[in-house]
Amino acid sequence: MNTPFVATQRSLSRRSFLRGAGIALSLPLLDSMTPAFASVAKAVTAGKPDNKPRRVFGICNNLGLLPDQFFPKQAGRDYALSPYLQNLKEHRNDFTVFSGVSHPDVDGGHPADNCFLTAAPHPGSGGFKNTISLDQYIAERIGHLTRFPSLNLGVNVQQGQRSLAWTGSGVLIPCEEKPSDVFRHLFMQGTKAETEGQIRKLELGRSILDAVAGQAKDLKRNVGAHDRDRLDQYFTSVRELEKRMKMSREWENKPKPKVSAPMPLDPASPREYMEKVRLMYDIARLSFETDSTRSIALLLDSVNSPVIELGDTKLNDAYHNLSHHGRSEAKLSQLKAIDEWHMKLLANLFTELKNVREDGEPLLDRTMILYGSNLGNANTHVTTNLPTLFAGGGFKHGQHLAFDTERNYPLPNLFVSMLQRMGLETDKFASSTGTMRGLEMA
């Protein structure tokens, strides 16, 4: 005999629910709406920004790197540089290389790229829902300090399907793929009419928030104690959003920074993959140099890239097909050439950040760069032993931190260390178990 469902709390009447329908999309899910299935909201403690501006640049190449060419054979500080890391030898003391790290329970092969900065488990499963990404976690807490809370960039991205940036509600944030558009938003001042129009949009947004908050207060009288607590959390988030909108209005009235760099020319074809990567690195450097943002994510969607142009090296197959090399010497040779280009572009980024000074310090020392992949080996789609390189940001680098390649160490621990270096008071992110062992602040 089936036991009938018994509600253990007062439910909203149909009339009360319909009266609040106008704000339902803005409200958190309430126990009164779905009595037996509510989840407890997690309290988030906002930290205080560090006294020095610090930045985070998360880069994911979703086809990774050839493991035997990337990982050093020795651990510690006296390790011999691997073939790929030879391209970064001038910056040896500016980065740490990790082996034996991964996101616990992040499986599913290619879909795992969406979890590179979230570490949300089982992305390939039915009903998967993502969680907040590292860049957006930072943007929510210190994004008001800069004109742009964050930038979400991409190269050859399959729009609507892939992104590194996800909101606290698990919603995908589309990537910006045109360097010229990003440059224009960052550095080109709009006309007076355009500025006034943007301010009107912000004022409209604030008026809508006022209306939504007013209706929610009426709804609050008709729900249980647990729901009232959750509505209080909602009101807090609304107030924080209002503060950010106020800051946005103030930024609209401030001149944008001037840079000597010219407007970039957008590559005409996805075949110009490496030029797109170079331009995005330039955009990131300029953004940090002008303190326009302190949080950037960049997805290099190699899966969605065709046969790419690679200088004098002739490629005869698409990037994705090359990654399934099956130990073919011809494919491996082409993949090595691609990976070498990636390392050289990364080395150039490090050089340019070191050449920029902020209060007498190299900008690289204040910029944390995470370069890695969601795949440990694209040929087999495994999501363990992820090739991971972490540079800059004020840490003691120059080492290979080697963890167990079979029973991996949690990569989210690095995220906790990064957040703490940003000055955010937290000891947890996603499936972390603490801070990154062996990585010390300088």
Protein backbone atom coordinates (compact mmCIF):
# COMPACT_ATOMS: atom_id res chain seq x y z
CA MET A 1 0.00 0.00 0.00
CA ASN A 2 1.39 3.41 -1.00
CA THR A 3 1.76 5.95 1.77
CA PRO A 4 0.18 9.25 0.81
CA PHE A 5 2.44 12.30 0.78
CA VAL A 6 1.88 14.46 3.86
CA ALA A 7 2.99 18.08 3.84
CA THR A 8 4.77 19.04 7.02
CA GLN A 9 4.43 22.79 6.56
CA ARG A 10 1.94 25.32 5.29
CA SER A 11 1.84 25.55 1.49
CA LEU A 12 1.10 28.66 -0.52
CA SER A 13 -2.45 28.98 -1.78
CA ARG A 14 -2.99 29.08 -5.56
CA ARG A 15 -4.02 32.75 -5.31
CA SER A 16 -0.93 33.68 -3.29
CA PHE A 17 1.29 31.85 -5.74
CA LEU A 18 -0.27 33.57 -8.77
CA ARG A 19 -0.04 36.96 -7.06
CA GLY A 20 3.70 36.40 -6.71
CA ALA A 21 4.13 34.92 -10.19
CA GLY A 22 5.46 38.21 -11.48
CA ILE A 23 8.54 37.80 -9.32
CA ALA A 24 8.80 34.03 -9.39
CA LEU A 25 11.71 34.03 -11.83
CA SER A 26 13.66 36.33 -9.54
CA LEU A 27 12.97 34.49 -6.30
CA PRO A 28 14.94 31.56 -4.91
CA LEU A 29 13.19 28.18 -4.95
CA LEU A 30 11.07 28.09 -1.78
CA ASP A 31 10.07 25.10 0.34
CA SER A 32 6.48 26.32 0.11
CA MET A 33 6.57 25.87 -3.65
CA THR A 34 8.13 22.39 -3.61
CA PRO A 35 7.57 21.05 -0.08
CA ALA A 36 9.69 17.90 0.05
CA PHE A 37 12.54 18.80 -2.23
CA ALA A 38 14.08 22.05 -1.00
CA SER A 39 17.83 22.26 -0.54
CA VAL A 40 19.53 24.21 2.15
CA ALA A 41 21.21 27.32 0.83
CA LYS A 42 24.85 27.63 1.68
CA ALA A 43 26.01 30.73 3.46
CA VAL A 44 28.83 32.52 1.71
CA THR A 45 31.26 34.69 3.55
CA ALA A 46 32.65 37.57 1.55
CA GLY A 47 36.29 38.23 2.19
CA LYS A 48 38.26 41.43 2.14
CA PRO A 49 40.33 42.34 -0.91
CA ASP A 50 44.10 42.15 -0.58
CA ASN A 51 45.84 45.49 -0.11
CA LYS A 52 47.54 44.95 -3.49
CA PRO A 53 45.46 44.55 -6.63
CA ARG A 54 45.64 40.88 -7.61
CA ARG A 55 44.24 39.23 -10.69
CA VAL A 56 43.27 35.79 -11.94
CA PHE A 57 43.50 34.56 -15.53
CA GLY A 58 42.09 31.06 -16.07
CA ILE A 59 42.90 29.44 -19.44
CA CYS A 60 41.58 26.06 -20.59
CA ASN A 61 42.67 24.32 -23.78
CA ASN A 62 40.03 21.62 -24.02
CA LEU A 63 42.25 19.25 -25.98
CA GLY A 64 45.08 19.48 -23.51
CA LEU A 65 48.72 18.66 -24.20
CA LEU A 66 50.62 15.47 -24.96
CA PRO A 67 51.38 14.17 -21.45
CA ASP A 68 54.81 12.67 -22.17
CA GLN A 69 55.97 15.98 -23.65
CA PHE A 70 54.53 18.18 -20.88
CA PHE A 71 55.14 16.49 -17.52
CA PRO A 72 58.65 16.58 -16.04
CA LYS A 73 60.13 13.25 -14.98
CA GLN A 74 61.47 14.59 -11.67
CA ALA A 75 59.65 16.31 -8.82
CA GLY A 76 60.75 19.21 -6.65
CA ARG A 77 62.74 22.34 -7.49
CA ASP A 78 65.62 20.72 -9.36
CA TYR A 79 63.52 18.97 -11.96
CA ALA A 80 64.69 18.84 -15.58
CA LEU A 81 62.40 20.82 -17.87
CA SER A 82 60.26 18.66 -20.12
CA PRO A 83 60.35 19.26 -23.91
CA TYR A 84 57.32 21.57 -23.76
CA LEU A 85 58.53 23.44 -20.69
CA GLN A 86 61.81 24.20 -22.44
CA ASN A 87 59.83 26.91 -24.22
CA LEU A 88 59.28 28.52 -20.81
CA LYS A 89 62.82 28.15 -19.47
CA GLU A 90 63.33 31.91 -19.12
CA HIS A 91 60.42 31.94 -16.69
CA ARG A 92 61.27 28.77 -14.80
CA ASN A 93 61.10 30.49 -11.42
CA ASP A 94 57.80 32.18 -12.27
CA PHE A 95 55.63 29.07 -12.54
CA THR A 96 54.80 25.77 -10.85
CA VAL A 97 53.88 22.67 -12.81
CA PHE A 98 51.52 20.09 -11.31
CA SER A 99 51.00 16.42 -12.05
CA GLY A 100 48.58 13.99 -10.44
CA VAL A 101 45.81 16.55 -10.00
CA SER A 102 42.20 16.54 -11.18
CA HIS A 103 38.68 17.59 -10.26
CA PRO A 104 37.12 14.82 -8.14
CA ASP A 105 34.16 13.13 -9.89
CA VAL A 106 34.42 15.39 -12.96
CA ASP A 107 34.17 12.84 -15.75
CA GLY A 108 32.46 12.64 -19.11
CA GLY A 109 35.31 13.51 -21.47
CA HIS A 110 34.68 16.61 -23.56
CA PRO A 111 31.76 18.01 -21.48
CA ALA A 112 34.22 18.40 -18.61
CA ASP A 113 35.55 21.63 -20.13
CA ASN A 114 32.46 23.39 -18.77
CA CYS A 115 33.65 22.35 -15.30
CA PHE A 116 37.27 23.47 -15.59
CA LEU A 117 36.64 26.46 -13.29
CA THR A 118 33.63 25.04 -11.41
CA ALA A 119 34.67 21.44 -10.54
CA ALA A 120 30.97 20.45 -10.60
CA PRO A 121 30.75 16.63 -10.69
CA HIS A 122 29.50 14.36 -13.49
CA PRO A 123 29.02 16.89 -16.33
CA GLY A 124 28.10 14.15 -18.79
CA SER A 125 25.21 12.81 -16.72
CA GLY A 126 21.55 13.49 -17.36
CA GLY A 127 20.15 16.41 -15.41
CA PHE A 128 23.61 17.86 -14.77
CA LYS A 129 23.57 21.37 -13.32
CA ASN A 130 26.73 23.41 -13.16
CA THR A 131 27.87 25.54 -10.23
CA ILE A 132 29.61 28.90 -9.92
CA SER A 133 32.96 29.23 -11.67
CA LEU A 134 36.08 30.57 -10.01
CA ASP A 135 36.12 33.75 -12.09
CA GLN A 136 32.51 34.57 -11.19
CA TYR A 137 33.07 33.76 -7.53
CA ILE A 138 35.77 36.43 -7.58
CA ALA A 139 33.63 38.84 -9.63
CA GLU A 140 30.76 38.60 -7.14
CA ARG A 141 33.03 39.64 -4.29
CA ILE A 142 35.43 42.22 -5.69
CA GLY A 143 34.05 42.94 -9.17
CA HIS A 144 32.77 46.33 -8.04
CA LEU A 145 36.35 47.52 -7.63
CA THR A 146 36.88 47.64 -11.40
CA ARG A 147 34.90 48.85 -14.41
CA PHE A 148 34.24 45.27 -15.50
CA PRO A 149 33.64 42.63 -12.78
CA SER A 150 35.01 39.96 -15.13
CA LEU A 151 35.74 39.11 -18.75
CA ASN A 152 34.75 35.82 -20.35
CA LEU A 153 36.71 35.24 -23.54
CA GLY A 154 36.82 32.45 -26.08
CA VAL A 155 38.53 31.18 -29.21
CA ASN A 156 36.44 29.23 -31.74
CA VAL A 157 33.88 28.48 -29.03
CA GLN A 158 30.78 26.41 -29.72
CA GLN A 159 28.46 29.13 -28.45
CA GLY A 160 25.63 28.08 -26.16
CA GLN A 161 27.32 24.76 -25.44
CA ARG A 162 30.67 25.66 -23.94
CA SER A 163 32.00 28.28 -21.55
CA LEU A 164 34.32 28.50 -18.56
CA ALA A 165 32.15 31.13 -16.83
CA TRP A 166 29.01 30.06 -14.95
CA THR A 167 26.80 31.98 -12.55
CA GLY A 168 25.91 30.98 -9.01
CA SER A 169 22.69 29.52 -10.45
CA GLY A 170 24.63 27.35 -12.88
CA VAL A 171 23.80 29.45 -15.95
CA LEU A 172 26.29 29.59 -18.82
CA ILE A 173 27.81 33.01 -19.56
CA PRO A 174 28.54 33.31 -23.30
CA CYS A 175 32.12 33.94 -24.41
CA GLU A 176 33.25 37.09 -26.15
CA GLU A 177 35.12 36.00 -29.27
CA LYS A 178 35.85 39.21 -31.17
CA PRO A 179 38.95 40.98 -29.84
CA SER A 180 37.86 44.23 -31.47
CA ASP A 181 34.55 44.23 -29.57
CA VAL A 182 36.27 43.57 -26.26
CA PHE A 183 38.84 46.28 -26.98
CA ARG A 184 36.06 48.73 -27.84
CA HIS A 185 34.20 48.05 -24.60
CA LEU A 186 37.37 48.34 -22.55
CA PHE A 187 39.04 51.39 -24.03
CA MET A 188 36.86 53.34 -26.44
CA GLN A 189 34.71 56.07 -24.92
CA GLY A 190 31.13 56.22 -26.12
CA THR A 191 29.35 59.40 -27.13
CA LYS A 192 27.48 61.47 -24.56
CA ALA A 193 24.18 60.11 -25.90
CA GLU A 194 25.41 56.51 -25.59
CA THR A 195 26.58 57.12 -22.02
CA GLU A 196 23.25 58.67 -21.06
CA GLY A 197 21.42 55.76 -22.66
CA GLN A 198 23.43 53.27 -20.63
CA ILE A 199 22.70 55.19 -17.44
CA ARG A 200 18.97 55.09 -18.26
CA LYS A 201 19.20 51.31 -18.63
CA LEU A 202 20.86 51.07 -15.23
CA GLU A 203 18.16 53.26 -13.67
CA LEU A 204 15.47 51.06 -15.24
CA GLY A 205 17.16 48.01 -13.77
CA ARG A 206 17.16 49.59 -10.32
CA SER A 207 13.46 50.45 -10.59
CA ILE A 208 12.67 46.85 -11.54
CA LEU A 209 14.67 45.64 -8.55
CA ASP A 210 12.69 47.99 -6.30
CA ALA A 211 9.40 46.60 -7.63
CA VAL A 212 10.52 42.99 -7.28
CA ALA A 213 11.75 43.56 -3.73
CA GLY A 214 8.47 45.21 -2.77
CA GLN A 215 6.40 42.28 -4.05
CA ALA A 216 8.73 39.83 -2.35
CA LYS A 217 8.17 41.55 1.00
CA ASP A 218 4.41 41.03 0.58
CA LEU A 219 5.05 37.37 -0.21
CA LYS A 220 7.26 37.00 2.87
CA ARG A 221 4.26 37.37 5.19
CA ASN A 222 2.65 34.21 3.75
CA VAL A 223 5.49 31.71 4.00
CA GLY A 224 7.10 29.62 6.72
CA ALA A 225 10.14 30.48 8.83
CA HIS A 226 12.59 28.58 6.61
CA ASP A 227 11.36 30.39 3.50
CA ARG A 228 11.57 33.72 5.29
CA ASP A 229 15.24 33.02 5.96
CA ARG A 230 15.79 32.27 2.29
CA LEU A 231 13.95 35.40 1.26
CA ASP A 232 16.20 37.35 3.60
CA GLN A 233 19.15 35.90 1.70
CA TYR A 234 17.43 36.95 -1.51
CA PHE A 235 16.98 40.52 -0.22
CA THR A 236 20.68 40.57 0.66
CA SER A 237 21.61 39.55 -2.88
CA VAL A 238 19.27 42.23 -4.27
CA ARG A 239 20.95 44.85 -2.11
CA GLU A 240 24.36 43.67 -3.32
CA LEU A 241 23.15 43.88 -6.92
CA GLU A 242 21.87 47.39 -6.29
CA LYS A 243 25.31 48.36 -4.98
CA ARG A 244 26.96 46.93 -8.09
CA MET A 245 24.52 48.79 -10.32
CA LYS A 246 25.28 52.01 -8.48
CA MET A 247 28.97 51.40 -9.06
CA SER A 248 28.25 50.68 -12.73
CA ARG A 249 26.57 54.06 -13.04
CA GLU A 250 29.58 55.75 -11.49
CA TRP A 251 31.88 53.96 -13.95
CA GLU A 252 29.76 55.22 -16.86
CA ASN A 253 30.69 58.78 -15.89
CA LYS A 254 34.42 58.04 -15.64
CA PRO A 255 36.66 58.20 -18.71
CA LYS A 256 37.94 54.88 -19.94
CA PRO A 257 41.69 54.29 -19.77
CA LYS A 258 43.81 55.16 -22.79
CA VAL A 259 46.23 52.61 -24.21
CA SER A 260 48.86 52.95 -26.91
CA ALA A 261 47.90 49.64 -28.51
CA PRO A 262 45.83 49.92 -31.71
CA MET A 263 42.41 48.38 -32.21
CA PRO A 264 43.03 44.69 -32.98
CA LEU A 265 42.03 43.27 -36.34
CA ASP A 266 39.74 40.28 -35.93
CA PRO A 267 40.99 37.15 -37.73
CA ALA A 268 38.67 36.32 -40.60
CA SER A 269 38.76 32.55 -40.20
CA PRO A 270 38.72 30.01 -37.35
CA ARG A 271 41.81 28.58 -39.07
CA GLU A 272 43.71 31.56 -37.62
CA TYR A 273 43.45 29.91 -34.22
CA MET A 274 46.87 30.87 -32.88
CA GLU A 275 46.45 34.52 -33.89
CA LYS A 276 43.15 34.54 -32.01
CA VAL A 277 44.88 33.14 -28.94
CA ARG A 278 47.62 35.78 -29.17
CA LEU A 279 45.09 38.58 -29.45
CA MET A 280 43.13 37.32 -26.44
CA TYR A 281 46.34 37.21 -24.41
CA ASP A 282 47.00 40.82 -25.44
CA ILE A 283 43.48 41.83 -24.41
CA ALA A 284 43.94 40.13 -21.01
CA ARG A 285 47.27 41.88 -20.44
CA LEU A 286 45.83 45.30 -21.34
CA SER A 287 42.82 44.67 -19.09
CA PHE A 288 45.04 43.91 -16.13
CA GLU A 289 47.51 46.68 -16.94
CA THR A 290 44.71 49.27 -16.83
CA ASP A 291 42.99 47.56 -13.86
CA SER A 292 39.83 47.31 -15.97
CA THR A 293 39.06 43.90 -14.44
CA ARG A 294 40.73 41.42 -12.10
CA SER A 295 39.04 38.23 -13.25
CA ILE A 296 39.32 36.72 -16.74
CA ALA A 297 38.42 33.30 -18.13
CA LEU A 298 39.52 32.14 -21.59
CA LEU A 299 38.28 28.96 -23.26
CA LEU A 300 40.39 27.72 -26.17
CA ASP A 301 37.82 25.51 -27.87
CA SER A 302 40.22 23.30 -29.78
CA VAL A 303 37.49 20.68 -30.16
CA ASN A 304 35.54 23.11 -32.32
CA SER A 305 38.55 24.20 -34.39
CA PRO A 306 39.25 23.16 -38.00
CA VAL A 307 42.59 22.53 -39.69
CA ILE A 308 44.47 25.48 -38.23
CA GLU A 309 47.21 27.65 -39.72
CA LEU A 310 50.54 27.16 -38.02
CA GLY A 311 53.19 29.26 -39.73
CA ASP A 312 55.44 27.15 -41.95
CA THR A 313 54.18 23.89 -40.44
CA LYS A 314 51.68 22.15 -42.70
CA LEU A 315 48.73 20.53 -40.93
CA ASN A 316 46.46 18.18 -42.82
CA ASP A 317 43.75 17.40 -40.28
CA ALA A 318 41.47 19.22 -37.83
CA TYR A 319 42.73 19.79 -34.30
CA HIS A 320 40.19 17.37 -32.77
CA ASN A 321 41.01 14.59 -35.22
CA LEU A 322 44.71 15.03 -34.55
CA SER A 323 44.09 14.61 -30.82
CA HIS A 324 42.82 11.09 -31.55
CA HIS A 325 46.22 10.17 -32.86
CA GLY A 326 46.21 6.44 -32.08
CA ARG A 327 50.00 6.74 -31.76
CA SER A 328 50.30 7.74 -35.41
CA GLU A 329 53.69 9.41 -35.83
CA ALA A 330 52.32 11.80 -38.44
CA LYS A 331 49.52 13.00 -36.16
CA LEU A 332 51.78 13.16 -33.12
CA SER A 333 54.25 15.31 -35.01
CA GLN A 334 51.51 17.79 -35.92
CA LEU A 335 50.15 17.82 -32.37
CA LYS A 336 53.62 18.53 -30.98
CA ALA A 337 53.91 21.50 -33.33
CA ILE A 338 50.56 22.84 -32.10
CA ASP A 339 51.47 22.34 -28.44
CA GLU A 340 54.83 24.06 -28.95
CA TRP A 341 53.00 27.11 -30.31
CA HIS A 342 50.80 27.17 -27.22
CA MET A 343 53.86 27.14 -24.97
CA LYS A 344 55.57 29.90 -26.96
CA LEU A 345 52.48 32.12 -26.78
CA LEU A 346 52.29 31.49 -23.05
CA ALA A 347 55.98 32.39 -22.67
CA ASN A 348 55.36 35.63 -24.55
CA LEU A 349 52.44 36.44 -22.23
CA PHE A 350 54.67 35.92 -19.20
CA THR A 351 57.34 38.16 -20.71
CA GLU A 352 54.93 40.98 -21.44
CA LEU A 353 53.40 40.82 -17.97
CA LYS A 354 56.87 40.94 -16.42
CA ASN A 355 57.73 44.00 -18.51
CA VAL A 356 54.75 45.95 -17.12
CA ARG A 357 55.38 47.50 -13.70
CA GLU A 358 52.75 48.27 -11.09
CA ASP A 359 54.02 50.18 -8.06
CA GLY A 360 57.49 48.94 -8.92
CA GLU A 361 56.50 45.28 -9.15
CA PRO A 362 56.19 43.16 -12.31
CA LEU A 363 52.53 42.77 -13.21
CA LEU A 364 53.08 39.00 -13.42
CA ASP A 365 53.76 38.97 -9.66
CA ARG A 366 50.22 40.25 -9.14
CA THR A 367 48.60 38.10 -11.81
CA MET A 368 47.77 34.44 -11.20
CA ILE A 369 47.70 32.51 -14.47
CA LEU A 370 46.18 29.05 -14.47
CA TYR A 371 46.81 27.17 -17.71
CA GLY A 372 45.46 23.67 -18.12
CA SER A 373 42.86 21.37 -19.55
CA ASN A 374 39.84 19.31 -18.61
CA LEU A 375 41.46 16.29 -20.28
CA GLY A 376 44.52 14.47 -19.05
CA ASN A 377 44.83 12.73 -22.39
CA ALA A 378 42.60 13.80 -25.28
CA ASN A 379 43.35 10.59 -27.16
CA THR A 380 41.53 8.56 -24.50
CA HIS A 381 39.22 11.28 -23.06
CA VAL A 382 40.43 10.69 -19.50
CA THR A 383 39.83 13.52 -17.02
CA THR A 384 42.57 12.57 -14.56
CA ASN A 385 46.22 13.69 -14.25
CA LEU A 386 45.39 17.03 -15.82
CA PRO A 387 48.30 18.99 -17.35
CA THR A 388 48.36 22.06 -15.12
CA LEU A 389 50.67 25.04 -15.01
CA PHE A 390 50.29 27.88 -12.53
CA ALA A 391 52.28 31.10 -12.86
CA GLY A 392 52.76 34.45 -11.12
CA GLY A 393 50.51 35.92 -8.50
CA GLY A 394 52.97 36.20 -5.62
CA PHE A 395 53.78 32.52 -4.94
CA LYS A 396 57.06 30.68 -4.49
CA HIS A 397 57.38 28.97 -7.86
CA GLY A 398 60.12 27.11 -9.70
CA GLN A 399 58.96 23.61 -8.78
CA HIS A 400 57.15 20.51 -9.98
CA LEU A 401 54.55 19.42 -7.45
CA ALA A 402 54.04 15.75 -8.27
CA PHE A 403 51.04 14.00 -6.73
CA ASP A 404 49.75 10.45 -7.19
CA THR A 405 48.85 9.98 -10.85
CA GLU A 406 46.48 7.15 -9.97
CA ARG A 407 44.78 8.63 -6.89
CA ASN A 408 44.79 12.28 -7.81
CA TYR A 409 45.05 15.26 -5.50
CA PRO A 410 42.11 17.74 -5.73
CA LEU A 411 42.81 20.58 -8.16
CA PRO A 412 40.12 22.73 -6.43
CA ASN A 413 42.62 23.07 -3.57
CA LEU A 414 44.60 25.33 -5.88
CA PHE A 415 41.47 27.44 -6.33
CA VAL A 416 41.26 27.94 -2.56
CA SER A 417 44.90 29.07 -2.49
CA MET A 418 44.17 31.48 -5.35
CA LEU A 419 41.13 32.92 -3.61
CA GLN A 420 43.05 33.43 -0.40
CA ARG A 421 45.83 35.17 -2.35
CA MET A 422 43.12 37.47 -3.73
CA GLY A 423 42.34 38.37 -0.12
CA LEU A 424 39.07 36.44 0.02
CA GLU A 425 38.41 34.77 3.34
CA THR A 426 37.41 31.26 2.35
CA ASP A 427 38.69 27.75 2.99
CA LYS A 428 36.39 25.93 0.57
CA PHE A 429 35.61 25.87 -3.13
CA ALA A 430 33.67 23.06 -4.79
CA SER A 431 35.26 19.70 -3.84
CA SER A 432 38.38 21.16 -2.24
CA THR A 433 39.80 19.68 0.94
CA GLY A 434 41.98 22.66 1.88
CA THR A 435 44.67 24.75 0.23
CA MET A 436 47.18 23.41 -2.34
CA ARG A 437 49.81 21.39 -0.52
CA GLY A 438 53.36 22.48 -1.26
CA LEU A 439 52.43 25.85 -2.72
CA GLU A 440 53.51 28.79 -0.57
CA MET A 441 52.91 32.50 -0.89
CA ALA A 442 55.98 34.60 -1.60
